[in-house]
N, C-alpha and C. Protein backbone atom coordinates (compact mmCIF):
# COMPACT_ATOMS: atom_id res chain seq x y z
N MET A 1 86.34 -225.97 113.17
CA MET A 1 87.62 -225.64 113.74
C MET A 1 88.70 -226.39 112.95
N VAL A 2 89.75 -225.70 112.66
CA VAL A 2 90.85 -226.28 111.89
C VAL A 2 92.06 -226.42 112.80
N SER A 3 92.70 -227.55 112.68
CA SER A 3 93.92 -227.79 113.45
C SER A 3 95.09 -227.80 112.50
N LYS A 4 96.22 -227.31 112.94
CA LYS A 4 97.41 -227.28 112.10
C LYS A 4 98.61 -227.71 112.92
N SER A 5 99.37 -228.63 112.35
CA SER A 5 100.62 -229.01 113.01
C SER A 5 101.70 -229.05 111.95
N GLN A 6 102.90 -228.87 112.38
CA GLN A 6 104.03 -228.86 111.46
C GLN A 6 105.01 -229.94 111.90
N ARG A 7 105.34 -230.82 110.95
CA ARG A 7 106.26 -231.91 111.25
C ARG A 7 107.32 -231.99 110.17
N ARG A 8 108.49 -232.43 110.58
CA ARG A 8 109.60 -232.60 109.63
C ARG A 8 110.33 -233.89 109.97
N GLY A 9 110.97 -234.45 108.95
CA GLY A 9 111.80 -235.64 109.17
C GLY A 9 111.04 -236.81 109.75
N LYS A 10 111.58 -237.40 110.81
CA LYS A 10 110.98 -238.57 111.44
C LYS A 10 109.58 -238.31 111.98
N GLN A 11 109.30 -237.10 112.35
CA GLN A 11 107.99 -236.76 112.90
C GLN A 11 106.87 -237.01 111.90
N VAL A 12 107.17 -236.94 110.62
CA VAL A 12 106.16 -237.20 109.60
C VAL A 12 105.68 -238.65 109.71
N GLY A 13 106.56 -239.56 110.09
CA GLY A 13 106.20 -240.96 110.27
C GLY A 13 105.09 -241.16 111.29
N PHE A 14 105.06 -240.33 112.33
CA PHE A 14 104.00 -240.43 113.33
C PHE A 14 102.63 -240.12 112.72
N TYR A 15 102.62 -239.21 111.79
CA TYR A 15 101.37 -238.86 111.10
C TYR A 15 100.83 -240.09 110.36
N PHE A 16 101.68 -240.76 109.59
CA PHE A 16 101.24 -241.90 108.81
C PHE A 16 101.02 -243.15 109.65
N ALA A 17 101.65 -243.26 110.80
CA ALA A 17 101.51 -244.44 111.66
C ALA A 17 100.07 -244.64 112.13
N ARG A 18 99.33 -243.57 112.30
CA ARG A 18 97.95 -243.73 112.79
C ARG A 18 97.09 -244.47 111.77
N TYR A 19 97.46 -244.41 110.51
CA TYR A 19 96.69 -245.10 109.48
C TYR A 19 96.97 -246.60 109.44
N GLU A 20 98.10 -247.03 109.97
CA GLU A 20 98.47 -248.44 109.96
C GLU A 20 97.50 -249.29 110.77
N LYS A 21 96.91 -248.72 111.78
CA LYS A 21 96.06 -249.47 112.70
C LYS A 21 94.62 -249.63 112.19
N GLU A 22 94.30 -248.98 111.10
CA GLU A 22 92.94 -249.01 110.59
C GLU A 22 92.90 -249.76 109.26
N GLN A 23 91.74 -250.28 108.94
CA GLN A 23 91.56 -250.96 107.67
C GLN A 23 91.10 -249.95 106.63
N LEU A 24 92.05 -249.30 106.03
CA LEU A 24 91.78 -248.27 105.03
C LEU A 24 92.51 -248.63 103.75
N ARG A 25 92.00 -248.13 102.65
CA ARG A 25 92.73 -248.25 101.40
C ARG A 25 92.70 -246.88 100.73
N ALA A 26 93.70 -246.62 99.94
CA ALA A 26 93.83 -245.31 99.32
C ALA A 26 93.96 -245.45 97.81
N ARG A 27 93.39 -244.51 97.09
CA ARG A 27 93.47 -244.48 95.63
C ARG A 27 93.74 -243.04 95.21
N MET A 28 94.57 -242.89 94.19
CA MET A 28 94.81 -241.57 93.62
C MET A 28 93.59 -241.17 92.80
N VAL A 29 93.20 -239.92 92.94
CA VAL A 29 92.06 -239.39 92.19
C VAL A 29 92.39 -238.00 91.66
N HIS A 30 91.64 -237.61 90.65
CA HIS A 30 91.61 -236.21 90.23
C HIS A 30 90.43 -235.61 90.98
N LEU A 31 90.71 -234.67 91.84
CA LEU A 31 89.69 -234.05 92.67
C LEU A 31 89.57 -232.59 92.26
N GLU A 32 88.54 -232.32 91.47
CA GLU A 32 88.29 -230.96 91.03
C GLU A 32 89.55 -230.31 90.46
N GLY A 33 90.22 -231.06 89.57
CA GLY A 33 91.38 -230.52 88.87
C GLY A 33 92.73 -230.71 89.54
N ARG A 34 92.76 -231.36 90.69
CA ARG A 34 94.02 -231.57 91.41
C ARG A 34 94.19 -233.04 91.73
N LEU A 35 95.42 -233.47 91.83
CA LEU A 35 95.66 -234.84 92.28
C LEU A 35 95.45 -234.90 93.79
N ALA A 36 94.82 -235.98 94.22
CA ALA A 36 94.55 -236.15 95.65
C ALA A 36 94.52 -237.64 95.96
N ILE A 37 94.43 -237.95 97.22
CA ILE A 37 94.29 -239.32 97.67
C ILE A 37 92.88 -239.46 98.24
N ALA A 38 92.14 -240.43 97.70
CA ALA A 38 90.83 -240.76 98.25
C ALA A 38 91.04 -241.91 99.22
N VAL A 39 90.54 -241.77 100.43
CA VAL A 39 90.71 -242.80 101.46
C VAL A 39 89.37 -243.50 101.67
N TYR A 40 89.40 -244.83 101.54
CA TYR A 40 88.20 -245.65 101.67
C TYR A 40 88.26 -246.47 102.95
N ALA A 41 87.16 -246.57 103.65
CA ALA A 41 87.06 -247.40 104.84
C ALA A 41 86.57 -248.78 104.42
N ALA A 42 87.24 -249.82 104.91
CA ALA A 42 86.87 -251.22 104.63
C ALA A 42 86.60 -251.42 103.14
N ASP A 43 85.45 -251.97 102.80
CA ASP A 43 85.13 -252.26 101.41
C ASP A 43 84.05 -251.34 100.84
N THR A 44 84.03 -250.11 101.28
CA THR A 44 83.02 -249.17 100.79
C THR A 44 83.39 -248.66 99.40
N PRO A 45 82.38 -248.44 98.54
CA PRO A 45 82.66 -247.96 97.18
C PRO A 45 82.91 -246.46 97.11
N LYS A 46 82.51 -245.74 98.14
CA LYS A 46 82.64 -244.28 98.17
C LYS A 46 83.73 -243.89 99.16
N PRO A 47 84.58 -242.93 98.82
CA PRO A 47 85.63 -242.52 99.76
C PRO A 47 85.04 -241.99 101.06
N ALA A 48 85.76 -242.19 102.14
CA ALA A 48 85.36 -241.63 103.42
C ALA A 48 85.82 -240.18 103.53
N TYR A 49 86.98 -239.89 102.91
CA TYR A 49 87.53 -238.52 102.92
C TYR A 49 88.68 -238.43 101.94
N PHE A 50 89.23 -237.22 101.80
CA PHE A 50 90.33 -236.97 100.88
C PHE A 50 91.54 -236.43 101.61
N ILE A 51 92.70 -236.64 101.00
CA ILE A 51 93.95 -236.02 101.46
C ILE A 51 94.57 -235.34 100.25
N LEU A 52 94.86 -234.06 100.38
CA LEU A 52 95.53 -233.31 99.32
C LEU A 52 97.00 -233.18 99.68
N LEU A 53 97.85 -233.37 98.68
CA LEU A 53 99.29 -233.20 98.87
C LEU A 53 99.77 -232.08 97.96
N GLU A 54 100.54 -231.18 98.50
CA GLU A 54 101.17 -230.14 97.70
C GLU A 54 102.66 -230.39 97.72
N SER A 55 103.28 -230.33 96.54
CA SER A 55 104.71 -230.61 96.46
C SER A 55 105.44 -229.50 95.73
N GLN A 56 106.73 -229.47 95.97
CA GLN A 56 107.61 -228.52 95.30
C GLN A 56 108.96 -229.22 95.14
N ASP A 57 109.48 -229.18 93.94
CA ASP A 57 110.77 -229.82 93.64
C ASP A 57 110.78 -231.30 94.03
N GLY A 58 109.65 -231.98 93.83
CA GLY A 58 109.57 -233.41 94.10
C GLY A 58 109.44 -233.79 95.57
N ARG A 59 109.21 -232.81 96.43
CA ARG A 59 109.09 -233.08 97.87
C ARG A 59 107.74 -232.57 98.36
N VAL A 60 107.12 -233.36 99.22
CA VAL A 60 105.84 -232.95 99.80
C VAL A 60 106.07 -231.76 100.72
N GLN A 61 105.34 -230.71 100.46
CA GLN A 61 105.46 -229.49 101.27
C GLN A 61 104.29 -229.33 102.25
N LEU A 62 103.12 -229.87 101.84
CA LEU A 62 101.93 -229.65 102.66
C LEU A 62 100.98 -230.82 102.48
N ILE A 63 100.42 -231.28 103.58
CA ILE A 63 99.39 -232.31 103.55
C ILE A 63 98.13 -231.69 104.14
N ARG A 64 97.06 -231.75 103.38
CA ARG A 64 95.76 -231.29 103.87
C ARG A 64 94.89 -232.54 104.01
N ASP A 65 94.66 -232.93 105.22
CA ASP A 65 93.94 -234.16 105.53
C ASP A 65 92.52 -233.80 105.94
N TYR A 66 91.55 -234.25 105.16
CA TYR A 66 90.15 -233.93 105.42
C TYR A 66 89.45 -235.07 106.15
N ARG A 67 90.18 -235.81 106.93
CA ARG A 67 89.63 -236.94 107.68
C ARG A 67 88.44 -236.55 108.54
N TYR A 68 88.51 -235.41 109.16
CA TYR A 68 87.45 -234.99 110.07
C TYR A 68 86.45 -234.05 109.39
N VAL A 69 86.46 -234.06 108.06
CA VAL A 69 85.52 -233.26 107.28
C VAL A 69 84.91 -234.16 106.20
N PRO A 70 84.29 -235.27 106.60
CA PRO A 70 83.82 -236.26 105.63
C PRO A 70 82.71 -235.76 104.71
N TYR A 71 81.99 -234.74 105.11
CA TYR A 71 80.90 -234.25 104.27
C TYR A 71 81.39 -233.64 102.96
N ILE A 72 82.67 -233.34 102.85
CA ILE A 72 83.23 -232.82 101.61
C ILE A 72 83.03 -233.84 100.48
N VAL A 73 83.10 -235.12 100.81
CA VAL A 73 82.96 -236.18 99.80
C VAL A 73 81.60 -236.11 99.12
N ASP A 74 80.58 -235.72 99.85
CA ASP A 74 79.22 -235.70 99.29
C ASP A 74 79.07 -234.80 98.08
N GLU A 75 79.82 -233.71 98.03
CA GLU A 75 79.65 -232.77 96.93
C GLU A 75 80.88 -232.66 96.02
N ALA A 76 81.91 -233.39 96.33
CA ALA A 76 83.15 -233.30 95.54
C ALA A 76 83.00 -234.03 94.21
N GLU A 77 83.64 -233.49 93.20
CA GLU A 77 83.71 -234.15 91.90
C GLU A 77 85.10 -234.75 91.77
N TYR A 78 85.15 -236.07 91.64
CA TYR A 78 86.43 -236.75 91.56
C TYR A 78 86.35 -237.90 90.58
N GLU A 79 87.54 -238.31 90.11
CA GLU A 79 87.64 -239.41 89.14
C GLU A 79 88.91 -240.20 89.49
N LEU A 80 88.80 -241.51 89.52
CA LEU A 80 89.97 -242.34 89.81
C LEU A 80 91.04 -242.17 88.75
N VAL A 81 92.30 -242.18 89.18
CA VAL A 81 93.44 -242.13 88.27
C VAL A 81 93.75 -243.55 87.87
N ASP A 82 93.86 -243.81 86.58
CA ASP A 82 94.19 -245.16 86.11
C ASP A 82 95.61 -245.51 86.48
N GLY A 83 95.82 -246.78 86.77
CA GLY A 83 97.19 -247.20 87.03
C GLY A 83 97.36 -248.13 88.10
């Protein structure tokens, strides 16, 4: 089941606030030809899940958060972005 919500302006902050309470770290990766964010739990070497961002004119237009689809990591091909 897929859930979809639409947020603008200050409401976007509520989306990111849920991550503040958890011990997560994020790294930029190339995920099958696209830039994405790999999210790691605690000190694990393998990402727990991915977040894809789509932008237009320098602004984020869409966030695809695969937090509740962790099995995607098992078969995904990704590479850390240097920097």
